[in-house]
Amino acid sequence: MNRLEYAPTQIGLRAVFKHWQETTLHTIIQNPKGLNSRTTWEKVNQTLDKDTISRASIINFLEDMHQMSILTGDDQTGKGGHHWVYKPAMNEASLRQFIKADEPTLQRLPHRD
């Protein structure tokens, strides 16, 4: 990913994130101490109810958000080895400002349906 896609028919975070991606960000933001990808995946799928998203999609999205500095994190050791724990780099209001600050660029982003 490493770039946002703009959906001009949507408002708010949904203009640049799909439903499951927005849910993923909300899940991380609501857990400021951080979550690993497995716990995030479980919580997101519980929230999505009938819809589900693959763990690979969650991992790729989390890593993209980390590379874009929307998420931070650190490596923690635990059962089974090392695990990356993702943490919010900003709250939701700051995220909205981060996206809105680049609105002229958003207008030029690839559009999605």
PDB file of N, CA and C in Angstrom:
ATOM      1  N   MET A   1       0.851  -1.176   0.000  1.00  0.00           N
ATOM      2  CA  MET A   1       0.000   0.000   0.000  1.00  0.00           C
ATOM      3  C   MET A   1       0.896   1.238   0.000  1.00  0.00           C
ATOM      4  N   ASN A   2       1.410   1.631   1.123  1.00  0.00           N
ATOM      5  CA  ASN A   2       2.285   2.787   1.287  1.00  0.00           C
ATOM      6  C   ASN A   2       1.767   4.063   0.635  1.00  0.00           C
ATOM      7  N   ARG A   3       0.544   4.052   0.210  1.00  0.00           N
ATOM      8  CA  ARG A   3      -0.102   5.257  -0.264  1.00  0.00           C
ATOM      9  C   ARG A   3      -1.587   5.106   0.016  1.00  0.00           C
ATOM     10  N   LEU A   4      -2.233   6.200   0.182  1.00  0.00           N
ATOM     11  CA  LEU A   4      -3.665   6.172   0.446  1.00  0.00           C
ATOM     12  C   LEU A   4      -4.413   6.318  -0.864  1.00  0.00           C
ATOM     13  N   GLU A   5      -5.573   5.694  -0.939  1.00  0.00           N
ATOM     14  CA  GLU A   5      -6.452   5.853  -2.082  1.00  0.00           C
ATOM     15  C   GLU A   5      -7.652   6.657  -1.629  1.00  0.00           C
ATOM     16  N   TYR A   6      -8.102   7.548  -2.469  1.00  0.00           N
ATOM     17  CA  TYR A   6      -9.160   8.484  -2.110  1.00  0.00           C
ATOM     18  C   TYR A   6     -10.486   8.039  -2.716  1.00  0.00           C
ATOM     19  N   ALA A   7     -11.522   7.958  -1.881  1.00  0.00           N
ATOM     20  CA  ALA A   7     -12.879   7.651  -2.333  1.00  0.00           C
ATOM     21  C   ALA A   7     -13.711   8.926  -2.180  1.00  0.00           C
ATOM     22  N   PRO A   8     -13.886   9.695  -3.246  1.00  0.00           N
ATOM     23  CA  PRO A   8     -14.542  11.000  -3.136  1.00  0.00           C
ATOM     24  C   PRO A   8     -15.997  10.942  -2.682  1.00  0.00           C
ATOM     25  N   THR A   9     -16.619   9.779  -2.764  1.00  0.00           N
ATOM     26  CA  THR A   9     -18.019   9.666  -2.338  1.00  0.00           C
ATOM     27  C   THR A   9     -18.156   9.425  -0.843  1.00  0.00           C
ATOM     28  N   GLN A  10     -17.042   9.218  -0.155  1.00  0.00           N
ATOM     29  CA  GLN A  10     -17.063   8.936   1.271  1.00  0.00           C
ATOM     30  C   GLN A  10     -16.614  10.167   2.060  1.00  0.00           C
ATOM     31  N   ILE A  11     -16.922  10.164   3.357  1.00  0.00           N
ATOM     32  CA  ILE A  11     -16.477  11.252   4.223  1.00  0.00           C
ATOM     33  C   ILE A  11     -15.686  10.681   5.392  1.00  0.00           C
ATOM     34  N   GLY A  12     -14.934  11.543   6.050  1.00  0.00           N
ATOM     35  CA  GLY A  12     -14.162  11.113   7.208  1.00  0.00           C
ATOM     36  C   GLY A  12     -13.067  10.134   6.834  1.00  0.00           C
ATOM     37  N   LEU A  13     -12.730   9.284   7.776  1.00  0.00           N
ATOM     38  CA  LEU A  13     -11.671   8.304   7.540  1.00  0.00           C
ATOM     39  C   LEU A  13     -12.024   7.339   6.424  1.00  0.00           C
ATOM     40  N   ARG A  14     -13.320   7.125   6.215  1.00  0.00           N
ATOM     41  CA  ARG A  14     -13.762   6.189   5.177  1.00  0.00           C
ATOM     42  C   ARG A  14     -13.377   6.676   3.778  1.00  0.00           C
ATOM     43  N   ALA A  15     -13.055   7.955   3.638  1.00  0.00           N
ATOM     44  CA  ALA A  15     -12.636   8.473   2.336  1.00  0.00           C
ATOM     45  C   ALA A  15     -11.277   7.918   1.917  1.00  0.00           C
ATOM     46  N   VAL A  16     -10.478   7.491   2.873  1.00  0.00           N
ATOM     47  CA  VAL A  16      -9.159   6.946   2.539  1.00  0.00           C
ATOM     48  C   VAL A  16      -8.929   5.530   3.064  1.00  0.00           C
ATOM     49  N   PHE A  17      -9.822   5.038   3.920  1.00  0.00           N
ATOM     50  CA  PHE A  17      -9.679   3.678   4.452  1.00  0.00           C
ATOM     51  C   PHE A  17     -10.942   2.875   4.202  1.00  0.00           C
ATOM     52  N   LYS A  18     -10.753   1.611   3.877  1.00  0.00           N
ATOM     53  CA  LYS A  18     -11.891   0.695   3.769  1.00  0.00           C
ATOM     54  C   LYS A  18     -12.421   0.431   5.173  1.00  0.00           C
ATOM     55  N   HIS A  19     -13.627  -0.129   5.250  1.00  0.00           N
ATOM     56  CA  HIS A  19     -14.263  -0.358   6.554  1.00  0.00           C
ATOM     57  C   HIS A  19     -13.364  -1.159   7.495  1.00  0.00           C
ATOM     58  N   TRP A  20     -12.811  -2.255   7.012  1.00  0.00           N
ATOM     59  CA  TRP A  20     -11.987  -3.094   7.880  1.00  0.00           C
ATOM     60  C   TRP A  20     -10.705  -2.374   8.285  1.00  0.00           C
ATOM     61  N   GLN A  21     -10.170  -1.499   7.414  1.00  0.00           N
ATOM     62  CA  GLN A  21      -8.970  -0.752   7.758  1.00  0.00           C
ATOM     63  C   GLN A  21      -9.275   0.287   8.837  1.00  0.00           C
ATOM     64  N   GLU A  22     -10.411   0.960   8.698  1.00  0.00           N
ATOM     65  CA  GLU A  22     -10.825   1.923   9.717  1.00  0.00           C
ATOM     66  C   GLU A  22     -11.035   1.217  11.056  1.00  0.00           C
ATOM     67  N   THR A  23     -11.649   0.039  11.013  1.00  0.00           N
ATOM     68  CA  THR A  23     -11.866  -0.754  12.228  1.00  0.00           C
ATOM     69  C   THR A  23     -10.531  -1.150  12.854  1.00  0.00           C
ATOM     70  N   THR A  24      -9.566  -1.501  12.023  1.00  0.00           N
ATOM     71  CA  THR A  24      -8.237  -1.868  12.511  1.00  0.00           C
ATOM     72  C   THR A  24      -7.577  -0.692  13.221  1.00  0.00           C
ATOM     73  N   LEU A  25      -7.643   0.483  12.618  1.00  0.00           N
ATOM     74  CA  LEU A  25      -7.055   1.670  13.255  1.00  0.00           C
ATOM     75  C   LEU A  25      -7.751   1.999  14.563  1.00  0.00           C
ATOM     76  N   HIS A  26      -9.086   1.914  14.592  1.00  0.00           N
ATOM     77  CA  HIS A  26      -9.825   2.160  15.834  1.00  0.00           C
ATOM     78  C   HIS A  26      -9.391   1.169  16.916  1.00  0.00           C
ATOM     79  N   THR A  27      -9.188  -0.083  16.531  1.00  0.00           N
ATOM     80  CA  THR A  27      -8.781  -1.117  17.484  1.00  0.00           C
ATOM     81  C   THR A  27      -7.425  -0.772  18.087  1.00  0.00           C
ATOM     82  N   ILE A  28      -6.481  -0.354  17.266  1.00  0.00           N
ATOM     83  CA  ILE A  28      -5.153   0.008  17.768  1.00  0.00           C
ATOM     84  C   ILE A  28      -5.230   1.270  18.629  1.00  0.00           C
ATOM     85  N   ILE A  29      -5.965   2.271  18.171  1.00  0.00           N
ATOM     86  CA  ILE A  29      -6.078   3.537  18.913  1.00  0.00           C
ATOM     87  C   ILE A  29      -6.703   3.307  20.288  1.00  0.00           C
ATOM     88  N   GLN A  30      -7.647   2.378  20.387  1.00  0.00           N
ATOM     89  CA  GLN A  30      -8.311   2.088  21.658  1.00  0.00           C
ATOM     90  C   GLN A  30      -7.432   1.266  22.596  1.00  0.00           C
ATOM     91  N   ASN A  31      -6.292   0.824  22.132  1.00  0.00           N
ATOM     92  CA  ASN A  31      -5.361   0.034  22.943  1.00  0.00           C
ATOM     93  C   ASN A  31      -3.984   0.692  22.905  1.00  0.00           C
ATOM     94  N   PRO A  32      -3.818   1.823  23.613  1.00  0.00           N
ATOM     95  CA  PRO A  32      -2.571   2.594  23.504  1.00  0.00           C
ATOM     96  C   PRO A  32      -1.318   1.847  23.960  1.00  0.00           C
ATOM     97  N   LYS A  33      -1.469   0.794  24.746  1.00  0.00           N
ATOM     98  CA  LYS A  33      -0.296   0.015  25.144  1.00  0.00           C
ATOM     99  C   LYS A  33       0.189  -0.877  24.011  1.00  0.00           C
ATOM    100  N   GLY A  34      -0.658  -1.016  22.980  1.00  0.00           N
ATOM    101  CA  GLY A  34      -0.262  -1.752  21.790  1.00  0.00           C
ATOM    102  C   GLY A  34      -0.854  -3.143  21.703  1.00  0.00           C
ATOM    103  N   LEU A  35      -0.916  -3.634  20.485  1.00  0.00           N
ATOM    104  CA  LEU A  35      -1.414  -4.977  20.193  1.00  0.00           C
ATOM    105  C   LEU A  35      -0.527  -5.617  19.135  1.00  0.00           C
ATOM    106  N   ASN A  36      -0.362  -6.922  19.242  1.00  0.00           N
ATOM    107  CA  ASN A  36       0.338  -7.618  18.171  1.00  0.00           C
ATOM    108  C   ASN A  36      -0.649  -7.903  17.036  1.00  0.00           C
ATOM    109  N   SER A  37      -0.171  -8.391  15.933  1.00  0.00           N
ATOM    110  CA  SER A  37      -1.030  -8.584  14.765  1.00  0.00           C
ATOM    111  C   SER A  37      -2.121  -9.636  15.022  1.00  0.00           C
ATOM    112  N   ARG A  38      -1.797 -10.670  15.777  1.00  0.00           N
ATOM    113  CA  ARG A  38      -2.783 -11.723  16.030  1.00  0.00           C
ATOM    114  C   ARG A  38      -3.962 -11.193  16.856  1.00  0.00           C
ATOM    115  N   THR A  39      -3.661 -10.481  17.916  1.00  0.00           N
ATOM    116  CA  THR A  39      -4.712  -9.927  18.767  1.00  0.00           C
ATOM    117  C   THR A  39      -5.528  -8.899  17.988  1.00  0.00           C
ATOM    118  N   THR A  40      -4.858  -8.086  17.190  1.00  0.00           N
ATOM    119  CA  THR A  40      -5.562  -7.107  16.361  1.00  0.00           C
ATOM    120  C   THR A  40      -6.510  -7.818  15.407  1.00  0.00           C
ATOM    121  N   TRP A  41      -6.027  -8.839  14.730  1.00  0.00           N
ATOM    122  CA  TRP A  41      -6.829  -9.618  13.787  1.00  0.00           C
ATOM    123  C   TRP A  41      -8.063 -10.210  14.479  1.00  0.00           C
ATOM    124  N   GLU A  42      -7.874 -10.793  15.661  1.00  0.00           N
ATOM    125  CA  GLU A  42      -9.001 -11.379  16.400  1.00  0.00           C
ATOM    126  C   GLU A  42     -10.035 -10.310  16.759  1.00  0.00           C
ATOM    127  N   LYS A  43      -9.578  -9.179  17.282  1.00  0.00           N
ATOM    128  CA  LYS A  43     -10.495  -8.113  17.692  1.00  0.00           C
ATOM    129  C   LYS A  43     -11.232  -7.514  16.494  1.00  0.00           C
ATOM    130  N   VAL A  44     -10.521  -7.318  15.395  1.00  0.00           N
ATOM    131  CA  VAL A  44     -11.153  -6.756  14.200  1.00  0.00           C
ATOM    132  C   VAL A  44     -12.226  -7.701  13.679  1.00  0.00           C
ATOM    133  N   ASN A  45     -11.926  -8.976  13.601  1.00  0.00           N
ATOM    134  CA  ASN A  45     -12.915  -9.932  13.098  1.00  0.00           C
ATOM    135  C   ASN A  45     -14.115 -10.071  14.028  1.00  0.00           C
ATOM    136  N   GLN A  46     -13.913  -9.907  15.338  1.00  0.00           N
ATOM    137  CA  GLN A  46     -15.050  -9.891  16.262  1.00  0.00           C
ATOM    138  C   GLN A  46     -15.921  -8.672  16.008  1.00  0.00           C
ATOM    139  N   THR A  47     -15.300  -7.558  15.732  1.00  0.00           N
ATOM    140  CA  THR A  47     -16.026  -6.313  15.474  1.00  0.00           C
ATOM    141  C   THR A  47     -16.761  -6.371  14.136  1.00  0.00           C
ATOM    142  N   LEU A  48     -16.127  -6.964  13.129  1.00  0.00           N
ATOM    143  CA  LEU A  48     -16.737  -7.031  11.800  1.00  0.00           C
ATOM    144  C   LEU A  48     -17.940  -7.963  11.762  1.00  0.00           C
ATOM    145  N   ASP A  49     -18.043  -8.846  12.722  1.00  0.00           N
ATOM    146  CA  ASP A  49     -19.181  -9.753  12.859  1.00  0.00           C
ATOM    147  C   ASP A  49     -19.274 -10.720  11.688  1.00  0.00           C
ATOM    148  N   LYS A  50     -20.157 -10.470  10.720  1.00  0.00           N
ATOM    149  CA  LYS A  50     -20.357 -11.421   9.618  1.00  0.00           C
ATOM    150  C   LYS A  50     -19.218 -11.380   8.608  1.00  0.00           C
ATOM    151  N   ASP A  51     -18.665 -10.200   8.376  1.00  0.00           N
ATOM    152  CA  ASP A  51     -17.523 -10.083   7.470  1.00  0.00           C
ATOM    153  C   ASP A  51     -16.266 -10.534   8.208  1.00  0.00           C
ATOM    154  N   THR A  52     -15.310 -11.015   7.472  1.00  0.00           N
ATOM    155  CA  THR A  52     -14.016 -11.352   8.076  1.00  0.00           C
ATOM    156  C   THR A  52     -12.916 -10.839   7.154  1.00  0.00           C
ATOM    157  N   ILE A  53     -11.760 -10.658   7.735  1.00  0.00           N
ATOM    158  CA  ILE A  53     -10.594 -10.216   6.984  1.00  0.00           C
ATOM    159  C   ILE A  53      -9.441 -11.148   7.328  1.00  0.00           C
ATOM    160  N   SER A  54      -8.604 -11.443   6.373  1.00  0.00           N
ATOM    161  CA  SER A  54      -7.509 -12.381   6.621  1.00  0.00           C
ATOM    162  C   SER A  54      -6.444 -11.765   7.515  1.00  0.00           C
ATOM    163  N   ARG A  55      -5.727 -12.633   8.195  1.00  0.00           N
ATOM    164  CA  ARG A  55      -4.649 -12.153   9.057  1.00  0.00           C
ATOM    165  C   ARG A  55      -3.546 -11.506   8.224  1.00  0.00           C
ATOM    166  N   ALA A  56      -3.303 -12.051   7.038  1.00  0.00           N
ATOM    167  CA  ALA A  56      -2.282 -11.470   6.156  1.00  0.00           C
ATOM    168  C   ALA A  56      -2.647 -10.031   5.778  1.00  0.00           C
ATOM    169  N   SER A  57      -3.922  -9.774   5.507  1.00  0.00           N
ATOM    170  CA  SER A  57      -4.356  -8.421   5.167  1.00  0.00           C
ATOM    171  C   SER A  57      -4.127  -7.471   6.340  1.00  0.00           C
ATOM    172  N   ILE A  58      -4.432  -7.943   7.542  1.00  0.00           N
ATOM    173  CA  ILE A  58      -4.215  -7.131   8.748  1.00  0.00           C
ATOM    174  C   ILE A  58      -2.731  -6.829   8.917  1.00  0.00           C
ATOM    175  N   ILE A  59      -1.892  -7.854   8.792  1.00  0.00           N
ATOM    176  CA  ILE A  59      -0.447  -7.675   8.955  1.00  0.00           C
ATOM    177  C   ILE A  59       0.092  -6.672   7.934  1.00  0.00           C
ATOM    178  N   ASN A  60      -0.295  -6.826   6.681  1.00  0.00           N
ATOM    179  CA  ASN A  60       0.175  -5.915   5.638  1.00  0.00           C
ATOM    180  C   ASN A  60      -0.294  -4.487   5.891  1.00  0.00           C
ATOM    181  N   PHE A  61      -1.540  -4.328   6.316  1.00  0.00           N
ATOM    182  CA  PHE A  61      -2.067  -2.996   6.600  1.00  0.00           C
ATOM    183  C   PHE A  61      -1.338  -2.369   7.787  1.00  0.00           C
ATOM    184  N   LEU A  62      -1.153  -3.132   8.859  1.00  0.00           N
ATOM    185  CA  LEU A  62      -0.439  -2.617  10.025  1.00  0.00           C
ATOM    186  C   LEU A  62       0.973  -2.173   9.653  1.00  0.00           C
ATOM    187  N   GLU A  63       1.645  -2.963   8.850  1.00  0.00           N
ATOM    188  CA  GLU A  63       3.004  -2.610   8.446  1.00  0.00           C
ATOM    189  C   GLU A  63       3.007  -1.357   7.569  1.00  0.00           C
ATOM    190  N   ASP A  64       2.031  -1.243   6.666  1.00  0.00           N
ATOM    191  CA  ASP A  64       1.921  -0.026   5.853  1.00  0.00           C
ATOM    192  C   ASP A  64       1.703   1.199   6.731  1.00  0.00           C
ATOM    193  N   MET A  65       0.827   1.084   7.720  1.00  0.00           N
ATOM    194  CA  MET A  65       0.552   2.216   8.609  1.00  0.00           C
ATOM    195  C   MET A  65       1.777   2.560   9.452  1.00  0.00           C
ATOM    196  N   HIS A  66       2.551   1.543   9.792  1.00  0.00           N
ATOM    197  CA  HIS A  66       3.799   1.782  10.522  1.00  0.00           C
ATOM    198  C   HIS A  66       4.787   2.529   9.635  1.00  0.00           C
ATOM    199  N   GLN A  67       4.923   2.118   8.389  1.00  0.00           N
ATOM    200  CA  GLN A  67       5.850   2.779   7.467  1.00  0.00           C
ATOM    201  C   GLN A  67       5.420   4.211   7.163  1.00  0.00           C
ATOM    202  N   MET A  68       4.126   4.500   7.245  1.00  0.00           N
ATOM    203  CA  MET A  68       3.618   5.851   7.003  1.00  0.00           C
ATOM    204  C   MET A  68       3.621   6.685   8.292  1.00  0.00           C
ATOM    205  N   SER A  69       4.117   6.115   9.387  1.00  0.00           N
ATOM    206  CA  SER A  69       4.203   6.771  10.707  1.00  0.00           C
ATOM    207  C   SER A  69       2.846   7.059  11.332  1.00  0.00           C
ATOM    208  N   ILE A  70       1.823   6.350  10.911  1.00  0.00           N
ATOM    209  CA  ILE A  70       0.513   6.453  11.545  1.00  0.00           C
ATOM    210  C   ILE A  70       0.498   5.570  12.796  1.00  0.00           C
ATOM    211  N   LEU A  71       1.286   4.490  12.754  1.00  0.00           N
ATOM    212  CA  LEU A  71       1.469   3.611  13.911  1.00  0.00           C
ATOM    213  C   LEU A  71       2.949   3.565  14.262  1.00  0.00           C
ATOM    214  N   THR A  72       3.219   3.312  15.533  1.00  0.00           N
ATOM    215  CA  THR A  72       4.575   3.051  15.988  1.00  0.00           C
ATOM    216  C   THR A  72       4.560   1.649  16.579  1.00  0.00           C
ATOM    217  N   GLY A  73       5.603   1.296  17.235  1.00  0.00           N
ATOM    218  CA  GLY A  73       5.608  -0.006  17.888  1.00  0.00           C
ATOM    219  C   GLY A  73       6.999  -0.400  18.308  1.00  0.00           C
ATOM    220  N   ASP A  74       7.067  -1.585  18.879  1.00  0.00           N
ATOM    221  CA  ASP A  74       8.365  -2.111  19.263  1.00  0.00           C
ATOM    222  C   ASP A  74       8.321  -3.629  19.273  1.00  0.00           C
ATOM    223  N   ASP A  75       9.498  -4.190  19.259  1.00  0.00           N
ATOM    224  CA  ASP A  75       9.667  -5.631  19.241  1.00  0.00           C
ATOM    225  C   ASP A  75       9.673  -6.133  20.680  1.00  0.00           C
ATOM    226  N   GLN A  76       8.814  -7.090  20.963  1.00  0.00           N
ATOM    227  CA  GLN A  76       8.772  -7.669  22.301  1.00  0.00           C
ATOM    228  C   GLN A  76       8.969  -9.176  22.196  1.00  0.00           C
ATOM    229  N   THR A  77       9.648  -9.716  23.183  1.00  0.00           N
ATOM    230  CA  THR A  77       9.830 -11.161  23.200  1.00  0.00           C
ATOM    231  C   THR A  77       8.679 -11.795  23.964  1.00  0.00           C
ATOM    232  N   GLY A  78       8.357 -12.986  23.580  1.00  0.00           N
ATOM    233  CA  GLY A  78       7.276 -13.705  24.240  1.00  0.00           C
ATOM    234  C   GLY A  78       7.299 -15.153  23.803  1.00  0.00           C
ATOM    235  N   LYS A  79       6.258 -15.849  24.130  1.00  0.00           N
ATOM    236  CA  LYS A  79       6.144 -17.249  23.756  1.00  0.00           C
ATOM    237  C   LYS A  79       6.218 -17.367  22.232  1.00  0.00           C
ATOM    238  N   GLY A  80       7.150 -18.139  21.754  1.00  0.00           N
ATOM    239  CA  GLY A  80       7.297 -18.314  20.321  1.00  0.00           C
ATOM    240  C   GLY A  80       8.285 -17.360  19.674  1.00  0.00           C
ATOM    241  N   GLY A  81       8.933 -16.514  20.450  1.00  0.00           N
ATOM    242  CA  GLY A  81       9.952 -15.638  19.882  1.00  0.00           C
ATOM    243  C   GLY A  81       9.623 -14.168  19.979  1.00  0.00           C
ATOM    244  N   HIS A  82      10.030 -13.427  18.957  1.00  0.00           N
ATOM    245  CA  HIS A  82       9.838 -11.984  18.917  1.00  0.00           C
ATOM    246  C   HIS A  82       8.507 -11.640  18.249  1.00  0.00           C
ATOM    247  N   HIS A  83       7.831 -10.639  18.774  1.00  0.00           N
ATOM    248  CA  HIS A  83       6.548 -10.196  18.234  1.00  0.00           C
ATOM    249  C   HIS A  83       6.531  -8.682  18.174  1.00  0.00           C
ATOM    250  N   TRP A  84       6.124  -8.144  17.026  1.00  0.00           N
ATOM    251  CA  TRP A  84       6.007  -6.697  16.888  1.00  0.00           C
ATOM    252  C   TRP A  84       4.693  -6.271  17.521  1.00  0.00           C
ATOM    253  N   VAL A  85       4.735  -5.264  18.355  1.00  0.00           N
ATOM    254  CA  VAL A  85       3.547  -4.726  19.006  1.00  0.00           C
ATOM    255  C   VAL A  85       3.306  -3.336  18.420  1.00  0.00           C
ATOM    256  N   TYR A  86       2.154  -3.173  17.783  1.00  0.00           N
ATOM    257  CA  TYR A  86       1.800  -1.907  17.133  1.00  0.00           C
ATOM    258  C   TYR A  86       1.089  -0.999  18.125  1.00  0.00           C
ATOM    259  N   LYS A  87       1.477   0.275  18.091  1.00  0.00           N
ATOM    260  CA  LYS A  87       0.886   1.271  18.988  1.00  0.00           C
ATOM    261  C   LYS A  87       0.478   2.483  18.160  1.00  0.00           C
ATOM    262  N   PRO A  88      -0.530   3.212  18.618  1.00  0.00           N
ATOM    263  CA  PRO A  88      -0.923   4.403  17.860  1.00  0.00           C
ATOM    264  C   PRO A  88       0.132   5.504  17.984  1.00  0.00           C
ATOM    265  N   ALA A  89       0.468   6.111  16.858  1.00  0.00           N
ATOM    266  CA  ALA A  89       1.384   7.248  16.873  1.00  0.00           C
ATOM    267  C   ALA A  89       0.609   8.533  17.095  1.00  0.00           C
ATOM    268  N   MET A  90      -0.724   8.448  16.948  1.00  0.00           N
ATOM    269  CA  MET A  90      -1.583   9.621  17.112  1.00  0.00           C
ATOM    270  C   MET A  90      -2.985   9.164  17.475  1.00  0.00           C
ATOM    271  N   ASN A  91      -3.752  10.050  18.067  1.00  0.00           N
ATOM    272  CA  ASN A  91      -5.143   9.718  18.355  1.00  0.00           C
ATOM    273  C   ASN A  91      -5.980   9.952  17.095  1.00  0.00           C
ATOM    274  N   GLU A  92      -7.271   9.658  17.165  1.00  0.00           N
ATOM    275  CA  GLU A  92      -8.104   9.772  15.969  1.00  0.00           C
ATOM    276  C   GLU A  92      -8.186  11.202  15.452  1.00  0.00           C
ATOM    277  N   ALA A  93      -8.271  12.168  16.351  1.00  0.00           N
ATOM    278  CA  ALA A  93      -8.333  13.571  15.925  1.00  0.00           C
ATOM    279  C   ALA A  93      -7.054  13.957  15.179  1.00  0.00           C
ATOM    280  N   SER A  94      -5.922  13.533  15.696  1.00  0.00           N
ATOM    281  CA  SER A  94      -4.646  13.820  15.032  1.00  0.00           C
ATOM    282  C   SER A  94      -4.550  13.107  13.689  1.00  0.00           C
ATOM    283  N   LEU A  95      -5.079  11.891  13.609  1.00  0.00           N
ATOM    284  CA  LEU A  95      -5.094  11.147  12.357  1.00  0.00           C
ATOM    285  C   LEU A  95      -5.922  11.882  11.309  1.00  0.00           C
ATOM    286  N   ARG A  96      -7.088  12.379  11.734  1.00  0.00           N
ATOM    287  CA  ARG A  96      -7.933  13.147  10.804  1.00  0.00           C
ATOM    288  C   ARG A  96      -7.190  14.396  10.317  1.00  0.00           C
ATOM    289  N   GLN A  97      -6.475  15.074  11.213  1.00  0.00           N
ATOM    290  CA  GLN A  97      -5.707  16.261  10.831  1.00  0.00           C
ATOM    291  C   GLN A  97      -4.565  15.883   9.891  1.00  0.00           C
ATOM    292  N   PHE A  98      -3.921  14.758  10.169  1.00  0.00           N
ATOM    293  CA  PHE A  98      -2.823  14.261   9.338  1.00  0.00           C
ATOM    294  C   PHE A  98      -3.298  14.058   7.907  1.00  0.00           C
ATOM    295  N   ILE A  99      -4.480  13.474   7.771  1.00  0.00           N
ATOM    296  CA  ILE A  99      -5.044  13.215   6.449  1.00  0.00           C
ATOM    297  C   ILE A  99      -5.544  14.512   5.814  1.00  0.00           C
ATOM    298  N   LYS A 100      -6.242  15.311   6.610  1.00  0.00           N
ATOM    299  CA  LYS A 100      -6.816  16.551   6.093  1.00  0.00           C
ATOM    300  C   LYS A 100      -5.735  17.549   5.687  1.00  0.00           C
ATOM    301  N   ALA A 101      -4.620  17.567   6.377  1.00  0.00           N
ATOM    302  CA  ALA A 101      -3.532  18.501   6.076  1.00  0.00           C
ATOM    303  C   ALA A 101      -3.015  18.308   4.658  1.00  0.00           C
ATOM    304  N   ASP A 102      -3.197  17.126   4.143  1.00  0.00           N
ATOM    305  CA  ASP A 102      -2.716  16.827   2.801  1.00  0.00           C
ATOM    306  C   ASP A 102      -3.873  16.702   1.818  1.00  0.00           C
ATOM    307  N   GLU A 103      -4.968  17.426   2.064  1.00  0.00           N
ATOM    308  CA  GLU A 103      -6.163  17.309   1.224  1.00  0.00           C
ATOM    309  C   GLU A 103      -5.915  17.590  -0.254  1.00  0.00           C
ATOM    310  N   PRO A 104      -5.115  18.590  -0.626  1.00  0.00           N
ATOM    311  CA  PRO A 104      -4.855  18.773  -2.063  1.00  0.00           C
ATOM    312  C   PRO A 104      -4.244  17.520  -2.697  1.00  0.00           C
ATOM    313  N   THR A 105      -3.379  16.862  -1.943  1.00  0.00           N
ATOM    314  CA  THR A 105      -2.794  15.621  -2.444  1.00  0.00           C
ATOM    315  C   THR A 105      -3.858  14.533  -2.533  1.00  0.00           C
ATOM    316  N   LEU A 106      -4.768  14.494  -1.553  1.00  0.00           N
ATOM    317  CA  LEU A 106      -5.837  13.494  -1.584  1.00  0.00           C
ATOM    318  C   LEU A 106      -6.643  13.577  -2.867  1.00  0.00           C
ATOM    319  N   GLN A 107      -6.877  14.774  -3.353  1.00  0.00           N
ATOM    320  CA  GLN A 107      -7.656  14.949  -4.571  1.00  0.00           C
ATOM    321  C   GLN A 107      -6.968  14.296  -5.771  1.00  0.00           C
ATOM    322  N   ARG A 108      -5.643  14.164  -5.695  1.00  0.00           N
ATOM    323  CA  ARG A 108      -4.885  13.590  -6.805  1.00  0.00           C
ATOM    324  C   ARG A 108      -4.615  12.090  -6.624  1.00  0.00           C
ATOM    325  N   LEU A 109      -5.007  11.532  -5.500  1.00  0.00           N
ATOM    326  CA  LEU A 109      -4.758  10.118  -5.252  1.00  0.00           C
ATOM    327  C   LEU A 109      -5.604   9.250  -6.172  1.00  0.00           C
ATOM    328  N   PRO A 110      -5.152   8.017  -6.409  1.00  0.00           N
ATOM    329  CA  PRO A 110      -5.978   7.095  -7.199  1.00  0.00           C
ATOM    330  C   PRO A 110      -7.326   6.920  -6.514  1.00  0.00           C
ATOM    331  N   HIS A 111      -8.364   6.911  -7.290  1.00  0.00           N
ATOM    332  CA  HIS A 111      -9.715   6.753  -6.725  1.00  0.00           C
ATOM    333  C   HIS A 111     -10.059   5.266  -6.628  1.00  0.00           C
ATOM    334  N   ARG A 112     -10.805   4.939  -5.603  1.00  0.00           N
ATOM    335  CA  ARG A 112     -11.281   3.574  -5.442  1.00  0.00           C
ATOM    336  C   ARG A 112     -12.805   3.630  -5.346  1.00  0.00           C
ATOM    337  N   ASP A 113     -13.422   2.505  -5.611  1.00  0.00           N
ATOM    338  CA  ASP A 113     -14.901   2.444  -5.546  1.00  0.00           C
ATOM    339  C   ASP A 113     -15.385   2.180  -4.156  1.00  0.00           C
TER     340      ASP A 113
END
